[in-house]
């Protein structure tokens, strides 16, 4: 489709959708890059746990004033629980990054054989009907889960991490963040529907990025 044959209102619509999508998609990609460094922290935590187990050390260091998450001491149980929680945060916030780069698991029967506009419609409907409602519903339902943890002062029963509400709060925050990323994807796909040339021009770059 040549530029002259595209209606002005479609060009404007595509430009507006792209402008709305850019900050949402950019934020998701940026947070994905930042949280990817948590992999190194998880590796350090695992190595520390293995080393301390081999040496038979339980308590690493103790201090007087309480510190968020660690309380009055850093123990092998604290390190063990921290690696689980860091991996959970990495998974939750990395999901938005995977969504934007289309590296998430996709059960594909017809998707790859569709035109760019057809794939855009599939993504829009999937995000609107399935992904965003699921993320918002679970995020809303887990608010009580987080509140109860805060009110009860929930902490580990084995000398591990304290202030567990902070860890549990990552679930609704991560899902709400994923919903925002999906909203950005909707605007991005709408831009392709308004201006099909955007989808055609994107194909080679996407293949290069994934290849």
C-alpha atoms as a PDB file:
ATOM      1  CA  UNK A   1       0.000   0.000   0.000  1.00  0.00           C
ATOM      2  CA  UNK A   2       1.610   3.281  -1.067  1.00  0.00           C
ATOM      3  CA  UNK A   3       1.705   6.348   1.142  1.00  0.00           C
ATOM      4  CA  UNK A   4      -0.568   8.255  -1.242  1.00  0.00           C
ATOM      5  CA  UNK A   5      -3.281   5.611  -1.010  1.00  0.00           C
ATOM      6  CA  UNK A   6      -3.417   5.712   2.800  1.00  0.00           C
ATOM      7  CA  UNK A   7      -6.157   7.913   4.249  1.00  0.00           C
ATOM      8  CA  UNK A   8      -4.961  10.817   6.420  1.00  0.00           C
ATOM      9  CA  UNK A   9      -7.096   9.669   9.353  1.00  0.00           C
ATOM     10  CA  UNK A  10      -5.382   6.288   9.258  1.00  0.00           C
ATOM     11  CA  UNK A  11      -1.957   7.893   9.293  1.00  0.00           C
ATOM     12  CA  UNK A  12      -2.968  10.027  12.247  1.00  0.00           C
ATOM     13  CA  UNK A  13      -4.444   7.020  14.023  1.00  0.00           C
ATOM     14  CA  UNK A  14      -1.262   5.028  13.525  1.00  0.00           C
ATOM     15  CA  UNK A  15       0.868   7.916  14.779  1.00  0.00           C
ATOM     16  CA  UNK A  16      -1.285   8.396  17.885  1.00  0.00           C
ATOM     17  CA  UNK A  17      -1.243   4.663  18.693  1.00  0.00           C
ATOM     18  CA  UNK A  18       2.526   4.518  18.246  1.00  0.00           C
ATOM     19  CA  UNK A  19       2.955   7.501  20.550  1.00  0.00           C
ATOM     20  CA  UNK A  20       0.788   5.833  23.213  1.00  0.00           C
ATOM     21  CA  UNK A  21       2.552   2.489  22.853  1.00  0.00           C
ATOM     22  CA  UNK A  22       6.120   3.793  22.975  1.00  0.00           C
ATOM     23  CA  UNK A  23       6.351   4.698  26.709  1.00  0.00           C
ATOM     24  CA  UNK A  24       4.529   1.563  27.831  1.00  0.00           C
ATOM     25  CA  UNK A  25       6.621  -0.766  25.688  1.00  0.00           C
ATOM     26  CA  UNK A  26       9.804   1.143  26.484  1.00  0.00           C
ATOM     27  CA  UNK A  27       9.146   0.888  30.225  1.00  0.00           C
ATOM     28  CA  UNK A  28       8.555  -2.855  29.973  1.00  0.00           C
ATOM     29  CA  UNK A  29      11.768  -3.402  28.000  1.00  0.00           C
ATOM     30  CA  UNK A  30      13.774  -1.226  30.405  1.00  0.00           C
ATOM     31  CA  UNK A  31      12.507  -3.047  33.495  1.00  0.00           C
ATOM     32  CA  UNK A  32      13.226  -6.353  31.748  1.00  0.00           C
ATOM     33  CA  UNK A  33      16.822  -5.292  31.186  1.00  0.00           C
ATOM     34  CA  UNK A  34      17.183  -4.180  34.818  1.00  0.00           C
ATOM     35  CA  UNK A  35      15.631  -7.286  36.368  1.00  0.00           C
ATOM     36  CA  UNK A  36      17.737  -9.544  34.131  1.00  0.00           C
ATOM     37  CA  UNK A  37      20.678  -8.687  36.395  1.00  0.00           C
ATOM     38  CA  UNK A  38      18.885 -10.521  39.190  1.00  0.00           C
ATOM     39  CA  UNK A  39      20.122 -13.727  37.560  1.00  0.00           C
ATOM     40  CA  UNK A  40      23.606 -12.891  38.851  1.00  0.00           C
ATOM     41  CA  UNK A  41      22.263 -12.299  42.360  1.00  0.00           C
ATOM     42  CA  UNK A  42      20.416 -15.629  42.277  1.00  0.00           C
ATOM     43  CA  UNK A  43      23.639 -17.364  41.238  1.00  0.00           C
ATOM     44  CA  UNK A  44      25.518 -15.690  44.104  1.00  0.00           C
ATOM     45  CA  UNK A  45      22.793 -16.733  46.559  1.00  0.00           C
ATOM     46  CA  UNK A  46      22.905 -20.340  45.381  1.00  0.00           C
ATOM     47  CA  UNK A  47      26.705 -20.433  45.597  1.00  0.00           C
ATOM     48  CA  UNK A  48      26.598 -18.885  49.070  1.00  0.00           C
ATOM     49  CA  UNK A  49      24.027 -21.417  50.282  1.00  0.00           C
ATOM     50  CA  UNK A  50      26.045 -24.368  48.990  1.00  0.00           C
ATOM     51  CA  UNK A  51      29.264 -23.014  50.536  1.00  0.00           C
ATOM     52  CA  UNK A  52      27.682 -22.325  53.926  1.00  0.00           C
ATOM     53  CA  UNK A  53      26.078 -25.762  53.985  1.00  0.00           C
ATOM     54  CA  UNK A  54      29.446 -27.351  53.282  1.00  0.00           C
ATOM     55  CA  UNK A  55      31.075 -25.336  56.078  1.00  0.00           C
ATOM     56  CA  UNK A  56      28.217 -26.009  58.512  1.00  0.00           C
ATOM     57  CA  UNK A  57      27.584 -22.301  59.081  1.00  0.00           C
ATOM     58  CA  UNK A  58      24.046 -21.128  59.876  1.00  0.00           C
ATOM     59  CA  UNK A  59      24.309 -17.527  61.093  1.00  0.00           C
ATOM     60  CA  UNK A  60      26.493 -15.313  58.905  1.00  0.00           C
ATOM     61  CA  UNK A  61      26.260 -11.986  60.726  1.00  0.00           C
ATOM     62  CA  UNK A  62      24.104 -10.368  63.430  1.00  0.00           C
ATOM     63  CA  UNK A  63      23.381  -6.696  64.202  1.00  0.00           C
ATOM     64  CA  UNK A  64      21.357  -4.705  66.747  1.00  0.00           C
ATOM     65  CA  UNK A  65      18.856  -2.675  64.705  1.00  0.00           C
ATOM     66  CA  UNK A  66      16.299  -4.439  62.534  1.00  0.00           C
ATOM     67  CA  UNK A  67      16.785  -4.237  58.778  1.00  0.00           C
ATOM     68  CA  UNK A  68      13.932  -4.617  56.301  1.00  0.00           C
ATOM     69  CA  UNK A  69      13.554  -8.259  55.164  1.00  0.00           C
ATOM     70  CA  UNK A  70      16.521  -9.518  57.221  1.00  0.00           C
ATOM     71  CA  UNK A  71      15.532  -8.541  60.767  1.00  0.00           C
ATOM     72  CA  UNK A  72      18.489  -8.775  63.171  1.00  0.00           C
ATOM     73  CA  UNK A  73      20.604 -11.352  61.370  1.00  0.00           C
ATOM     74  CA  UNK A  74      21.650 -12.775  58.049  1.00  0.00           C
ATOM     75  CA  UNK A  75      21.413 -16.562  58.097  1.00  0.00           C
ATOM     76  CA  UNK A  76      21.671 -19.381  55.620  1.00  0.00           C
ATOM     77  CA  UNK A  77      17.873 -19.570  55.676  1.00  0.00           C
ATOM     78  CA  UNK A  78      17.700 -15.878  54.736  1.00  0.00           C
ATOM     79  CA  UNK A  79      19.974 -16.472  51.770  1.00  0.00           C
ATOM     80  CA  UNK A  80      18.027 -19.572  50.712  1.00  0.00           C
ATOM     81  CA  UNK A  81      14.657 -17.796  50.833  1.00  0.00           C
ATOM     82  CA  UNK A  82      16.094 -14.724  49.115  1.00  0.00           C
ATOM     83  CA  UNK A  83      17.143 -16.745  46.075  1.00  0.00           C
ATOM     84  CA  UNK A  84      13.589 -18.100  45.693  1.00  0.00           C
ATOM     85  CA  UNK A  85      12.069 -14.639  45.944  1.00  0.00           C
ATOM     86  CA  UNK A  86      14.576 -13.039  43.582  1.00  0.00           C
ATOM     87  CA  UNK A  87      13.792 -15.706  41.019  1.00  0.00           C
ATOM     88  CA  UNK A  88      10.069 -14.980  41.463  1.00  0.00           C
ATOM     89  CA  UNK A  89      10.625 -11.248  40.901  1.00  0.00           C
ATOM     90  CA  UNK A  90      12.773 -12.013  37.858  1.00  0.00           C
ATOM     91  CA  UNK A  91       9.994 -14.166  36.405  1.00  0.00           C
ATOM     92  CA  UNK A  92       7.186 -11.693  37.129  1.00  0.00           C
ATOM     93  CA  UNK A  93       8.856  -8.606  35.705  1.00  0.00           C
ATOM     94  CA  UNK A  94      10.687 -10.482  32.984  1.00  0.00           C
ATOM     95  CA  UNK A  95       7.321 -11.593  31.621  1.00  0.00           C
ATOM     96  CA  UNK A  96       6.651  -8.122  30.227  1.00  0.00           C
ATOM     97  CA  UNK A  97      10.019  -8.142  28.464  1.00  0.00           C
ATOM     98  CA  UNK A  98       9.246 -11.558  26.948  1.00  0.00           C
ATOM     99  CA  UNK A  99       5.844 -10.282  25.798  1.00  0.00           C
ATOM    100  CA  UNK A 100       7.354  -7.324  23.953  1.00  0.00           C
ATOM    101  CA  UNK A 101       9.992  -9.460  22.241  1.00  0.00           C
ATOM    102  CA  UNK A 102       7.513 -12.278  21.480  1.00  0.00           C
ATOM    103  CA  UNK A 103       9.677 -14.857  23.260  1.00  0.00           C
ATOM    104  CA  UNK A 104       6.888 -16.111  25.523  1.00  0.00           C
ATOM    105  CA  UNK A 105       5.342 -19.541  25.032  1.00  0.00           C
ATOM    106  CA  UNK A 106       2.778 -19.401  22.246  1.00  0.00           C
ATOM    107  CA  UNK A 107       0.533 -22.287  21.158  1.00  0.00           C
ATOM    108  CA  UNK A 108       0.552 -21.555  17.453  1.00  0.00           C
ATOM    109  CA  UNK A 109      -1.758 -23.283  14.996  1.00  0.00           C
ATOM    110  CA  UNK A 110      -2.422 -20.552  12.449  1.00  0.00           C
ATOM    111  CA  UNK A 111      -0.717 -17.418  13.801  1.00  0.00           C
ATOM    112  CA  UNK A 112       2.494 -17.568  11.745  1.00  0.00           C
ATOM    113  CA  UNK A 113       0.546 -18.050   8.535  1.00  0.00           C
ATOM    114  CA  UNK A 114      -1.508 -14.894   9.033  1.00  0.00           C
ATOM    115  CA  UNK A 115      -0.723 -11.485   7.580  1.00  0.00           C
ATOM    116  CA  UNK A 116       0.781  -8.840   9.917  1.00  0.00           C
ATOM    117  CA  UNK A 117      -2.687  -7.321  10.298  1.00  0.00           C
ATOM    118  CA  UNK A 118      -4.198 -10.723  11.073  1.00  0.00           C
ATOM    119  CA  UNK A 119      -1.586 -11.375  13.738  1.00  0.00           C
ATOM    120  CA  UNK A 120      -2.216  -7.907  15.139  1.00  0.00           C
ATOM    121  CA  UNK A 121      -5.921  -8.709  15.526  1.00  0.00           C
ATOM    122  CA  UNK A 122      -5.115 -12.016  17.263  1.00  0.00           C
ATOM    123  CA  UNK A 123      -2.791 -10.268  19.710  1.00  0.00           C
ATOM    124  CA  UNK A 124      -5.274  -7.465  20.412  1.00  0.00           C
ATOM    125  CA  UNK A 125      -8.159  -9.855  21.087  1.00  0.00           C
ATOM    126  CA  UNK A 126      -5.954 -12.149  23.171  1.00  0.00           C
ATOM    127  CA  UNK A 127      -4.740  -9.268  25.330  1.00  0.00           C
ATOM    128  CA  UNK A 128      -8.195  -7.719  25.736  1.00  0.00           C
ATOM    129  CA  UNK A 129     -10.129 -10.921  26.405  1.00  0.00           C
ATOM    130  CA  UNK A 130      -7.569 -13.071  28.226  1.00  0.00           C
ATOM    131  CA  UNK A 131      -4.307 -11.502  29.365  1.00  0.00           C
ATOM    132  CA  UNK A 132      -5.356  -8.111  30.757  1.00  0.00           C
ATOM    133  CA  UNK A 133      -8.518  -9.358  32.566  1.00  0.00           C
ATOM    134  CA  UNK A 134      -6.526 -12.238  34.097  1.00  0.00           C
ATOM    135  CA  UNK A 135      -3.719  -9.959  35.291  1.00  0.00           C
ATOM    136  CA  UNK A 136      -6.077  -7.371  36.788  1.00  0.00           C
ATOM    137  CA  UNK A 137      -8.313  -9.967  38.418  1.00  0.00           C
ATOM    138  CA  UNK A 138      -5.448 -11.822  40.106  1.00  0.00           C
ATOM    139  CA  UNK A 139      -3.775  -8.537  41.097  1.00  0.00           C
ATOM    140  CA  UNK A 140      -7.027  -7.382  42.713  1.00  0.00           C
ATOM    141  CA  UNK A 141      -7.615 -10.701  44.496  1.00  0.00           C
ATOM    142  CA  UNK A 142      -4.084 -10.806  45.925  1.00  0.00           C
ATOM    143  CA  UNK A 143      -4.440  -7.418  47.631  1.00  0.00           C
ATOM    144  CA  UNK A 144      -6.045  -9.169  50.618  1.00  0.00           C
ATOM    145  CA  UNK A 145      -3.219 -11.707  50.524  1.00  0.00           C
ATOM    146  CA  UNK A 146      -0.668  -8.898  50.888  1.00  0.00           C
ATOM    147  CA  UNK A 147      -2.695  -6.969  53.477  1.00  0.00           C
ATOM    148  CA  UNK A 148      -3.023 -10.000  55.747  1.00  0.00           C
ATOM    149  CA  UNK A 149       0.707 -10.580  55.545  1.00  0.00           C
ATOM    150  CA  UNK A 150       1.363  -6.959  56.553  1.00  0.00           C
ATOM    151  CA  UNK A 151      -1.160  -6.869  59.400  1.00  0.00           C
ATOM    152  CA  UNK A 152       0.045 -10.178  60.851  1.00  0.00           C
ATOM    153  CA  UNK A 153       3.724  -9.240  60.553  1.00  0.00           C
ATOM    154  CA  UNK A 154       4.320 -12.477  58.656  1.00  0.00           C
ATOM    155  CA  UNK A 155       7.896 -13.694  58.608  1.00  0.00           C
ATOM    156  CA  UNK A 156       9.814 -16.912  58.219  1.00  0.00           C
ATOM    157  CA  UNK A 157       9.425 -19.516  60.961  1.00  0.00           C
ATOM    158  CA  UNK A 158      12.955 -20.794  60.386  1.00  0.00           C
ATOM    159  CA  UNK A 159      15.090 -17.713  60.970  1.00  0.00           C
ATOM    160  CA  UNK A 160      14.786 -16.552  57.381  1.00  0.00           C
ATOM    161  CA  UNK A 161      13.344 -13.379  55.890  1.00  0.00           C
ATOM    162  CA  UNK A 162      10.991 -10.996  57.688  1.00  0.00           C
ATOM    163  CA  UNK A 163       8.492  -8.502  56.196  1.00  0.00           C
ATOM    164  CA  UNK A 164       7.101 -11.064  53.789  1.00  0.00           C
ATOM    165  CA  UNK A 165       4.388  -8.677  52.682  1.00  0.00           C
ATOM    166  CA  UNK A 166       7.047  -6.908  50.579  1.00  0.00           C
ATOM    167  CA  UNK A 167       7.753 -10.117  48.701  1.00  0.00           C
ATOM    168  CA  UNK A 168       4.070 -10.986  48.294  1.00  0.00           C
ATOM    169  CA  UNK A 169       3.348  -7.473  47.023  1.00  0.00           C
ATOM    170  CA  UNK A 170       5.497  -8.287  43.985  1.00  0.00           C
ATOM    171  CA  UNK A 171       2.702 -10.542  42.685  1.00  0.00           C
ATOM    172  CA  UNK A 172      -0.036  -7.898  42.208  1.00  0.00           C
ATOM    173  CA  UNK A 173       2.553  -5.282  41.181  1.00  0.00           C
ATOM    174  CA  UNK A 174       4.115  -7.612  38.614  1.00  0.00           C
ATOM    175  CA  UNK A 175       0.737  -8.597  37.163  1.00  0.00           C
ATOM    176  CA  UNK A 176      -0.455  -4.989  36.991  1.00  0.00           C
ATOM    177  CA  UNK A 177       2.791  -4.143  35.246  1.00  0.00           C
ATOM    178  CA  UNK A 178       2.222  -6.986  32.766  1.00  0.00           C
ATOM    179  CA  UNK A 179      -1.271  -5.616  32.083  1.00  0.00           C
ATOM    180  CA  UNK A 180       0.255  -2.219  31.303  1.00  0.00           C
ATOM    181  CA  UNK A 181       2.680  -3.910  28.941  1.00  0.00           C
ATOM    182  CA  UNK A 182      -0.188  -5.683  27.221  1.00  0.00           C
ATOM    183  CA  UNK A 183      -1.962  -2.333  26.851  1.00  0.00           C
ATOM    184  CA  UNK A 184       1.138  -0.975  25.157  1.00  0.00           C
ATOM    185  CA  UNK A 185       1.093  -3.980  22.845  1.00  0.00           C
ATOM    186  CA  UNK A 186      -2.531  -3.242  21.939  1.00  0.00           C
ATOM    187  CA  UNK A 187      -1.659   0.297  20.893  1.00  0.00           C
ATOM    188  CA  UNK A 188       1.334  -1.000  18.953  1.00  0.00           C
ATOM    189  CA  UNK A 189      -0.813  -3.547  17.090  1.00  0.00           C
ATOM    190  CA  UNK A 190      -3.515  -0.958  16.429  1.00  0.00           C
ATOM    191  CA  UNK A 191      -0.867   1.147  14.698  1.00  0.00           C
ATOM    192  CA  UNK A 192      -0.250  -1.784  12.331  1.00  0.00           C
ATOM    193  CA  UNK A 193      -3.961  -2.115  11.625  1.00  0.00           C
ATOM    194  CA  UNK A 194      -4.237   1.612  10.876  1.00  0.00           C
ATOM    195  CA  UNK A 195      -1.085   1.545   8.746  1.00  0.00           C
ATOM    196  CA  UNK A 196      -0.290  -1.965   7.414  1.00  0.00           C
ATOM    197  CA  UNK A 197       3.072  -0.744   6.139  1.00  0.00           C
ATOM    198  CA  UNK A 198       4.307  -0.624   9.738  1.00  0.00           C
ATOM    199  CA  UNK A 199       3.804  -4.372  10.063  1.00  0.00           C
ATOM    200  CA  UNK A 200       5.409  -5.090   6.687  1.00  0.00           C
ATOM    201  CA  UNK A 201       8.416  -2.953   7.514  1.00  0.00           C
ATOM    202  CA  UNK A 202       8.839  -4.594  10.911  1.00  0.00           C
ATOM    203  CA  UNK A 203       9.084  -8.167   9.658  1.00  0.00           C
ATOM    204  CA  UNK A 204      12.811  -8.250   8.699  1.00  0.00           C
ATOM    205  CA  UNK A 205      13.942  -6.534  11.902  1.00  0.00           C
ATOM    206  CA  UNK A 206      11.946  -8.920  14.066  1.00  0.00           C
ATOM    207  CA  UNK A 207      13.427 -11.930  12.291  1.00  0.00           C
ATOM    208  CA  UNK A 208      16.928 -10.521  12.752  1.00  0.00           C
ATOM    209  CA  UNK A 209      16.311  -9.887  16.448  1.00  0.00           C
ATOM    210  CA  UNK A 210      15.040 -13.406  17.028  1.00  0.00           C
ATOM    211  CA  UNK A 211      17.595 -15.055  14.797  1.00  0.00           C
END
